[in-house]
C-alpha cells in the first residue's frame, strides 16, 4: 500500500511554491520522494523552501519566474529539465487577484491580469510540458483552483471566473491528452489560512461567517491541501483525470445551521 503514494524517481514543478498551499505541496511531494523545482517571483523565498526540503533529506531546486511572462515560464521548464532530466508532475498553484470588488466596476487591466495570470499561464505551462509527458506515455498536471469557481461572489467574481476556467481547462486537456497517458486534474480549496487569502480570514466578521457556514466550523490550513496533490501526483490516482477535488471543510455541501446573527 505504501507504493501507492511513492514518488521516488519522479520530478515536479510547483509554481507559487514559496509560501502557503504551494509551499506545503512542494514539501509534501519531496517527502514522498519527488525531486521538486520550487518557483515563484522571488528567488530568495523559493530558496528558503528548498533549504527546508534539503534539511529534511529531500531534493529540490529553486527558480524564479513570473507566471505572466511566457519567456520566464519557458526558462522554468528548461531549468527543471536541466536539473532533473524530465518533468513528471506540473503543479500550477500561482495565481493573481489584483481586484477586490464588484465585477461591474473591474478595470480592463485588472480583468486581463486575472485571466492571463490564472488561466493563460497554466495553458502556457501545459503547452511547454505535456508533449514530453505524452511522448513517454506518463505524466500529470494539477491546477490549484478554488471553490470561487463553483459559487458566485459580489467581490471576487472575476477571480471566480478564472478559477472556473481552470476547471474547464483541466477537463479539456484531460480529454485531449488522456489517450497519451497524461492526467490533468484540479483541486478547489475553500478558505485556507494563507497570505493570499489574508484579507478574508483576518476580517473577524467574515471569519465568523465563514466558519459558521462550514460543517467543520473552521477554515483550512495549507497542509490540508497538500495531501490531495500527493495523491493526484501518485500511482494512487492513476485512473483519475479531468476531475475537480473540492477541499473546503464542507462549505459547498451546505451550512450546518442557520446563523443566530
Protein backbone atom coordinates (compact mmCIF):
# COMPACT_ATOMS: atom_id res chain seq x y z
CA UNK A 1 0.00 0.00 0.00
CA UNK A 2 2.88 2.39 0.67
CA UNK A 3 3.89 2.27 -3.01
CA UNK A 4 0.57 3.87 -3.97
CA UNK A 5 1.91 7.24 -2.85
CA UNK A 6 5.60 6.69 -3.62
CA UNK A 7 7.00 9.47 -5.84
CA UNK A 8 10.59 8.24 -5.83
CA UNK A 9 12.33 8.88 -9.13
CA UNK A 10 9.71 11.40 -10.20
CA UNK A 11 10.08 15.16 -10.61
CA UNK A 12 7.72 18.07 -10.11
CA UNK A 13 7.38 21.78 -10.73
CA UNK A 14 5.39 23.77 -8.19
CA UNK A 15 4.59 27.38 -9.10
CA UNK A 16 3.78 29.74 -6.27
CA UNK A 17 5.84 27.33 -4.21
CA UNK A 18 7.43 29.78 -1.78
CA UNK A 19 4.50 30.07 0.63
CA UNK A 20 1.03 28.91 1.55
CA UNK A 21 -0.50 26.00 -0.33
CA UNK A 22 2.32 25.86 -2.87
CA UNK A 23 4.97 25.57 -0.17
CA UNK A 24 3.03 22.82 1.60
CA UNK A 25 2.66 20.91 -1.67
CA UNK A 26 6.36 21.23 -2.50
CA UNK A 27 7.38 19.95 0.91
CA UNK A 28 4.97 17.01 0.85
CA UNK A 29 5.88 15.97 -2.70
CA UNK A 30 9.53 15.94 -1.65
CA UNK A 31 8.76 13.94 1.49
CA UNK A 32 7.18 11.29 -0.74
CA UNK A 33 10.31 11.08 -2.86
CA UNK A 34 9.85 13.59 -5.68
CA UNK A 35 12.55 15.95 -6.85
CA UNK A 36 10.91 19.37 -6.71
CA UNK A 37 11.54 22.63 -8.56
CA UNK A 38 10.17 25.40 -6.35
CA UNK A 39 9.19 28.53 -8.25
CA UNK A 40 7.77 31.95 -7.53
CA UNK A 41 8.66 35.52 -8.41
CA UNK A 42 11.21 35.83 -5.58
CA UNK A 43 14.22 33.53 -5.72
CA UNK A 44 15.24 34.05 -2.10
CA UNK A 45 11.80 32.98 -0.88
CA UNK A 46 11.98 29.85 -3.04
CA UNK A 47 15.44 29.07 -1.73
CA UNK A 48 14.18 29.07 1.85
CA UNK A 49 11.70 26.33 0.94
CA UNK A 50 14.43 24.42 -0.90
CA UNK A 51 16.68 24.65 2.16
CA UNK A 52 13.86 23.27 4.31
CA UNK A 53 13.30 20.37 1.93
CA UNK A 54 17.00 19.57 1.76
CA UNK A 55 17.37 19.74 5.53
CA UNK A 56 14.71 17.02 5.76
CA UNK A 57 16.62 14.84 3.28
CA UNK A 58 14.69 15.75 0.14
CA UNK A 59 15.83 17.01 -3.26
CA UNK A 60 14.83 20.43 -4.54
CA UNK A 61 15.98 23.40 -6.59
CA UNK A 62 14.74 26.99 -6.83
CA UNK A 63 13.95 29.04 -9.91
CA UNK A 64 12.29 32.45 -10.07
CA UNK A 65 9.58 33.05 -12.69
CA UNK A 66 6.69 35.44 -13.17
CA UNK A 67 3.67 33.49 -14.40
CA UNK A 68 2.57 36.41 -16.58
CA UNK A 69 5.76 36.25 -18.66
CA UNK A 70 5.91 33.41 -21.13
CA UNK A 71 9.66 33.54 -21.58
CA UNK A 72 10.18 33.20 -17.82
CA UNK A 73 7.92 30.15 -17.68
CA UNK A 74 9.89 28.58 -20.53
CA UNK A 75 13.01 29.30 -18.54
CA UNK A 76 11.47 27.50 -15.56
CA UNK A 77 10.68 24.45 -17.67
CA UNK A 78 14.15 24.44 -19.23
CA UNK A 79 15.82 24.78 -15.81
CA UNK A 80 13.80 21.89 -14.40
CA UNK A 81 14.76 19.59 -17.28
CA UNK A 82 18.39 20.67 -16.94
CA UNK A 83 18.34 19.91 -13.21
CA UNK A 84 16.24 16.73 -13.14
CA UNK A 85 16.09 15.44 -16.72
CA UNK A 86 12.31 15.38 -17.02
CA UNK A 87 9.03 16.66 -15.60
CA UNK A 88 6.51 14.12 -14.29
CA UNK A 89 4.19 16.44 -12.36
CA UNK A 90 3.26 20.05 -13.03
CA UNK A 91 1.52 21.86 -10.18
CA UNK A 92 0.07 25.20 -11.31
CA UNK A 93 -0.55 26.89 -7.99
CA UNK A 94 0.50 30.53 -8.55
CA UNK A 95 -2.38 32.95 -9.08
CA UNK A 96 -3.21 36.64 -9.17
CA UNK A 97 -6.05 38.70 -7.77
CA UNK A 98 -5.38 42.44 -8.11
CA UNK A 99 -9.03 43.43 -7.69
CA UNK A 100 -11.48 43.10 -4.80
CA UNK A 101 -14.93 44.44 -5.62
CA UNK A 102 -17.98 44.05 -7.88
CA UNK A 103 -17.49 42.75 -11.40
CA UNK A 104 -19.43 45.78 -12.66
CA UNK A 105 -16.51 48.04 -11.77
CA UNK A 106 -13.45 45.94 -12.61
CA UNK A 107 -10.94 47.80 -14.82
CA UNK A 108 -9.95 46.12 -18.06
CA UNK A 109 -6.34 45.90 -16.90
CA UNK A 110 -7.31 44.04 -13.72
CA UNK A 111 -9.53 41.66 -15.69
CA UNK A 112 -6.71 40.89 -18.11
CA UNK A 113 -4.22 40.33 -15.30
CA UNK A 114 -6.53 37.90 -13.52
CA UNK A 115 -7.46 35.88 -16.60
CA UNK A 116 -3.96 35.86 -18.08
CA UNK A 117 -2.24 35.09 -14.79
CA UNK A 118 -4.68 32.43 -13.60
CA UNK A 119 -5.66 30.73 -16.85
CA UNK A 120 -3.37 31.58 -19.75
CA UNK A 121 -0.21 30.94 -17.73
CA UNK A 122 -1.49 27.45 -16.89
CA UNK A 123 -2.15 26.79 -20.58
CA UNK A 124 1.33 28.06 -21.47
CA UNK A 125 2.96 25.71 -18.97
CA UNK A 126 0.91 22.78 -20.20
CA UNK A 127 1.87 23.54 -23.79
CA UNK A 128 5.50 23.51 -22.71
CA UNK A 129 5.39 20.40 -20.52
CA UNK A 130 2.68 17.99 -21.67
CA UNK A 131 4.11 16.98 -25.07
CA UNK A 132 7.15 15.39 -23.43
CA UNK A 133 4.90 13.62 -20.93
CA UNK A 134 2.80 12.30 -23.81
CA UNK A 135 5.90 11.08 -25.63
CA UNK A 136 6.76 8.97 -22.55
CA UNK A 137 3.14 7.91 -22.07
CA UNK A 138 3.02 9.17 -18.49
CA UNK A 139 2.64 12.42 -16.57
CA UNK A 140 0.16 14.53 -14.67
CA UNK A 141 -0.88 18.15 -14.19
CA UNK A 142 -2.57 19.64 -11.15
CA UNK A 143 -4.28 23.04 -11.22
CA UNK A 144 -4.98 24.70 -7.87
CA UNK A 145 -8.37 26.30 -8.40
CA UNK A 146 -10.87 27.47 -5.76
CA UNK A 147 -14.46 26.96 -4.69
CA UNK A 148 -14.78 30.51 -6.01
CA UNK A 149 -15.05 28.76 -9.36
CA UNK A 150 -18.19 26.97 -8.16
CA UNK A 151 -20.01 29.86 -6.48
CA UNK A 152 -20.74 33.48 -7.25
CA UNK A 153 -19.23 36.31 -5.22
CA UNK A 154 -20.04 40.04 -5.02
CA UNK A 155 -16.36 40.94 -4.55
CA UNK A 156 -14.35 38.10 -6.09
CA UNK A 157 -16.49 37.42 -9.12
CA UNK A 158 -13.88 37.62 -11.87
CA UNK A 159 -11.34 35.72 -9.78
CA UNK A 160 -14.03 33.04 -9.57
CA UNK A 161 -14.46 33.15 -13.34
CA UNK A 162 -10.74 32.46 -13.76
CA UNK A 163 -10.90 29.55 -11.34
CA UNK A 164 -13.92 28.06 -13.12
CA UNK A 165 -11.93 28.37 -16.34
CA UNK A 166 -9.12 26.35 -14.75
CA UNK A 167 -11.57 23.54 -14.03
CA UNK A 168 -12.74 23.55 -17.63
CA UNK A 169 -9.15 23.75 -18.91
CA UNK A 170 -8.39 20.62 -16.88
CA UNK A 171 -11.34 18.81 -18.47
CA UNK A 172 -10.35 19.93 -21.97
CA UNK A 173 -6.72 18.86 -21.56
CA UNK A 174 -7.71 15.61 -19.87
CA UNK A 175 -9.75 14.65 -22.92
CA UNK A 176 -7.06 15.85 -25.34
CA UNK A 177 -4.12 14.11 -23.71
CA UNK A 178 -5.66 11.15 -21.88
CA UNK A 179 -5.04 8.78 -24.80
CA UNK A 180 -1.34 9.56 -24.42
CA UNK A 181 -1.28 8.70 -20.72
CA UNK A 182 -1.35 12.25 -19.33
CA UNK A 183 -3.75 13.05 -16.49
CA UNK A 184 -4.99 16.57 -15.68
CA UNK A 185 -6.94 17.35 -12.50
CA UNK A 186 -7.88 20.30 -10.33
CA UNK A 187 -8.02 20.96 -6.61
CA UNK A 188 -10.58 23.52 -5.41
CA UNK A 189 -9.82 24.63 -1.86
CA UNK A 190 -12.15 26.61 0.31
CA UNK A 191 -10.86 29.37 2.57
CA UNK A 192 -7.34 28.44 3.69
CA UNK A 193 -5.08 30.32 6.09
CA UNK A 194 -2.62 31.73 3.53
CA UNK A 195 -1.17 35.17 2.88
CA UNK A 196 -3.04 35.21 -0.45
CA UNK A 197 -6.39 34.96 1.38
CA UNK A 198 -5.38 37.06 4.38
CA UNK A 199 -7.98 39.77 3.68
CA UNK A 200 -10.72 37.16 4.07
CA UNK A 201 -9.64 35.36 7.24
CA UNK A 202 -8.19 38.37 9.11
CA UNK A 203 -11.59 40.11 8.95
CA UNK A 204 -13.31 38.92 12.18
CA UNK A 205 -16.81 39.38 10.77
CA UNK A 206 -16.05 37.43 7.60
CA UNK A 207 -14.16 34.74 9.51
CA UNK A 208 -17.08 34.23 11.88
CA UNK A 209 -19.49 33.88 8.98
CA UNK A 210 -17.24 31.53 7.01
CA UNK A 211 -16.66 29.24 9.96
CA UNK A 212 -20.36 29.23 10.82
CA UNK A 213 -21.15 28.23 7.23
CA UNK A 214 -18.71 25.31 7.36
CA UNK A 215 -19.70 21.91 8.74
CA UNK A 216 -16.19 21.63 10.22
CA UNK A 217 -16.60 25.09 11.81
CA UNK A 218 -13.14 26.31 10.80
CA UNK A 219 -11.03 27.34 7.83
CA UNK A 220 -8.36 25.14 6.32
CA UNK A 221 -4.60 25.01 6.69
CA UNK A 222 -2.20 24.80 3.70
CA UNK A 223 -1.01 21.32 4.60
CA UNK A 224 -4.59 20.04 4.39
CA UNK A 225 -4.49 20.70 0.65
CA UNK A 226 -1.04 19.20 0.08
CA UNK A 227 -2.13 15.61 0.65
CA UNK A 228 -4.53 15.83 -2.28
CA UNK A 229 -1.69 16.96 -4.53
CA UNK A 230 0.43 13.99 -3.41
CA UNK A 231 -2.49 11.70 -4.23
CA UNK A 232 -3.05 13.22 -7.68
CA UNK A 233 0.66 13.01 -8.50
CA UNK A 234 0.94 9.39 -7.37
CA UNK A 235 0.03 5.97 -8.78
CA UNK A 236 -2.97 6.01 -6.42
CA UNK A 237 -4.70 8.46 -8.80
CA UNK A 238 -3.79 6.56 -11.95
CA UNK A 239 -7.42 6.26 -13.11
CA UNK A 240 -8.43 9.84 -12.24
CA UNK A 241 -8.41 12.64 -14.79
CA UNK A 242 -10.49 15.66 -15.72
CA UNK A 243 -11.83 15.98 -12.18
CA UNK A 244 -12.01 18.67 -9.52
CA UNK A 245 -11.36 17.71 -5.90
CA UNK A 246 -13.19 20.10 -3.56
CA UNK A 247 -11.48 20.53 -0.17
CA UNK A 248 -13.47 23.16 1.69
CA UNK A 249 -14.46 21.84 5.11
CA UNK A 250 -17.86 21.02 3.66
CA UNK A 251 -18.85 24.59 2.76
CA UNK A 252 -20.25 23.66 -0.63
CA UNK A 253 -22.20 20.81 0.97
CA UNK A 254 -24.26 23.32 2.94
CA UNK A 255 -24.32 25.27 6.20
CA UNK A 256 -24.82 23.13 9.32
CA UNK A 257 -27.25 25.59 10.94
CA UNK A 258 -28.93 28.95 10.47
CA UNK A 259 -26.84 31.83 11.79
CA UNK A 260 -28.12 33.35 15.02
CA UNK A 261 -26.99 36.84 13.98
